[in-house]
Structures are given as C-alpha cells and as structure tokens.
Amino acid sequence: MPPLIKIGVSTCLLGQKVRYDGGHKHDRYITQTLGQYFTFLPVCPETECGLGVPREAMRLVGEVDSPRLVTNKTRQDHTEKMQRWIKKRLDQLETENLCGYIFKKRLPKQWSVQGQSLQ
C-alpha cells in the first residue's frame, strides 16, 4: 500500500474537545472515509497558542488589513498571543510536508471585520 497523503486538519473535526464551548465538531466523513487515504496533522490555533477550554467566544474586529482577535464579552485582545503562535507554528508546519488542509468553517465564531465576512 502506498504511503498515506499527509494533510493538516482542524483538531475539532477529529473529535477532540478543543472548541470554546468545550465541545468538538467531529466529522465522521473526515475520520472514517478520508482517514483511509490520508494521515492527519491536527492543528488548533486557539488551544495551541495557550487559550483554555472552555473559553470565551471571540471574533476578528477592526481593520480588514490588520484585524484584532478580541473576545466577545470582556473584549480581551489575544492578537499578540496568536501572532506569536502563528510565527512559530508556520515554521513548524513548513517542515511537515503537508499536501493540503481541512479547516473548520467559521473559526473563531463570527470571523468578520467591520461587517465584512472573512470567509
């Protein structure tokens, strides 16, 4: 059997409870069907940058060219924490020889800046 293709996947889609509400978004099509052909590298920016589970929901706010990652109720800004994680993690991901990535739609909740959707 040829080696499986390696792709990155949002950790919550693999059934791990990493979402802001302590839950997951397990997708059986990914794990059971695609899992026969791919090997998965789970990635969760929120937990990997140090945010806990459960955590307050957050969204991107501000300018489209330089959005801020801010929690919905307390308005805590996690932008710098996430940017530090991104710099480090992108270097690591480059060495993984990934052939693609499956993202969870709409993470974090309400990805919008000044009323514009970022999807």
Protein backbone atom coordinates (compact mmCIF):
# COMPACT_ATOMS: atom_id res chain seq x y z
CA MET A 1 0.00 0.00 0.00
CA PRO A 2 1.43 3.45 -0.90
CA PRO A 3 2.09 5.91 1.94
CA LEU A 4 -0.88 7.99 3.03
CA ILE A 5 -1.06 11.64 1.97
CA LYS A 6 -0.42 13.97 4.92
CA ILE A 7 -2.81 16.89 5.48
CA GLY A 8 -3.49 19.32 8.28
CA VAL A 9 -6.95 19.25 9.86
CA SER A 10 -8.70 21.48 12.38
CA THR A 11 -8.40 19.50 15.61
CA CYS A 12 -12.11 19.81 16.49
CA LEU A 13 -13.05 18.00 13.25
CA LEU A 14 -11.15 14.95 14.50
CA GLY A 15 -13.38 14.78 17.58
CA GLN A 16 -11.10 16.42 20.14
CA LYS A 17 -12.84 18.72 22.60
CA VAL A 18 -10.96 21.95 21.90
CA ARG A 19 -13.77 24.36 21.00
CA TYR A 20 -14.59 27.47 23.00
CA ASP A 21 -17.64 25.71 24.49
CA GLY A 22 -15.68 22.60 25.47
CA GLY A 23 -17.11 20.59 22.60
CA HIS A 24 -15.95 19.28 19.24
CA LYS A 25 -17.24 19.18 15.68
CA HIS A 26 -16.30 15.58 14.88
CA ASP A 27 -16.76 14.90 11.19
CA ARG A 28 -17.04 11.15 10.57
CA TYR A 29 -16.60 11.60 6.83
CA ILE A 30 -13.15 13.03 7.52
CA THR A 31 -12.09 10.48 10.11
CA GLN A 32 -13.70 7.34 8.69
CA THR A 33 -13.77 7.88 4.93
CA LEU A 34 -10.89 10.25 4.20
CA GLY A 35 -8.91 8.66 7.02
CA GLN A 36 -8.42 5.63 4.79
CA TYR A 37 -6.39 7.74 2.35
CA PHE A 38 -4.85 10.50 4.46
CA THR A 39 -2.83 10.85 7.61
CA PHE A 40 -3.88 13.86 9.67
CA LEU A 41 -1.88 16.51 11.50
CA PRO A 42 -4.28 18.17 13.95
CA VAL A 43 -3.97 21.94 14.39
CA CYS A 44 -5.95 24.17 16.75
CA PRO A 45 -4.64 27.74 16.85
CA GLU A 46 -6.69 28.70 19.91
CA THR A 47 -5.52 25.91 22.20
CA GLU A 48 -2.02 25.73 20.76
CA CYS A 49 -1.43 29.44 21.45
CA GLY A 50 -2.42 28.88 25.08
CA LEU A 51 -6.13 29.68 25.28
CA GLY A 52 -8.06 27.29 27.51
CA VAL A 53 -11.07 25.06 27.00
CA PRO A 54 -13.73 26.18 27.53
CA ARG A 55 -13.01 29.83 26.73
CA GLU A 56 -14.94 32.94 25.85
CA ALA A 57 -16.03 33.14 22.22
CA MET A 58 -14.03 35.62 20.13
CA ARG A 59 -14.02 37.31 16.76
CA LEU A 60 -11.87 39.42 14.48
CA VAL A 61 -12.59 43.16 14.72
CA GLY A 62 -11.12 46.36 13.31
CA GLU A 63 -9.43 47.00 10.00
CA VAL A 64 -9.50 44.34 7.28
CA ASP A 65 -5.74 44.70 6.74
CA SER A 66 -4.89 44.42 10.45
CA PRO A 67 -7.74 42.80 12.40
CA ARG A 68 -7.64 42.23 16.15
CA LEU A 69 -8.66 38.95 17.82
CA VAL A 70 -10.97 40.04 20.64
CA THR A 71 -13.27 38.14 23.00
CA ASN A 72 -16.97 38.92 22.60
CA LYS A 73 -17.96 39.87 26.16
CA THR A 74 -14.87 41.03 28.05
CA ARG A 75 -13.16 42.46 24.93
CA GLN A 76 -9.84 40.82 25.87
CA ASP A 77 -7.40 41.18 22.97
CA HIS A 78 -5.48 37.98 22.07
CA THR A 79 -3.91 39.33 18.89
CA GLU A 80 -0.27 39.35 20.02
CA LYS A 81 -0.54 35.91 21.60
CA MET A 82 -1.96 34.49 18.37
CA GLN A 83 0.60 36.27 16.19
CA ARG A 84 3.48 34.84 18.26
CA TRP A 85 1.99 31.35 17.89
CA ILE A 86 1.50 31.84 14.13
CA LYS A 87 5.14 32.78 13.54
CA LYS A 88 6.38 29.71 15.41
CA ARG A 89 3.78 27.23 14.11
CA LEU A 90 4.04 28.20 10.44
CA ASP A 91 7.77 27.41 10.53
CA GLN A 92 6.96 24.01 12.06
CA LEU A 93 4.19 23.29 9.55
CA GLU A 94 6.54 24.03 6.64
CA THR A 95 8.65 21.05 7.70
CA GLU A 96 5.66 18.68 7.79
CA ASN A 97 5.36 18.27 4.01
CA LEU A 98 1.58 18.77 4.09
CA CYS A 99 -0.35 18.29 0.87
CA GLY A 100 -3.40 20.27 1.99
CA TYR A 101 -5.54 21.38 4.90
CA ILE A 102 -9.15 20.93 6.03
CA PHE A 103 -10.40 23.92 8.02
CA LYS A 104 -13.41 24.18 10.29
CA LYS A 105 -15.72 26.76 8.78
CA ARG A 106 -16.22 29.98 10.80
CA LEU A 107 -13.43 29.75 13.37
CA PRO A 108 -13.36 31.65 15.57
CA LYS A 109 -17.07 32.32 15.81
CA GLN A 110 -18.03 35.34 13.70
CA TRP A 111 -14.95 35.91 11.53
CA SER A 112 -15.86 39.38 10.36
CA VAL A 113 -14.18 42.75 10.29
CA GLN A 114 -16.22 45.93 10.02
CA GLY A 115 -19.23 43.92 8.89
CA GLN A 116 -17.33 42.12 6.12
CA SER A 117 -17.16 38.35 6.20
CA LEU A 118 -13.64 36.90 6.02
CA GLN A 119 -14.79 33.58 4.52
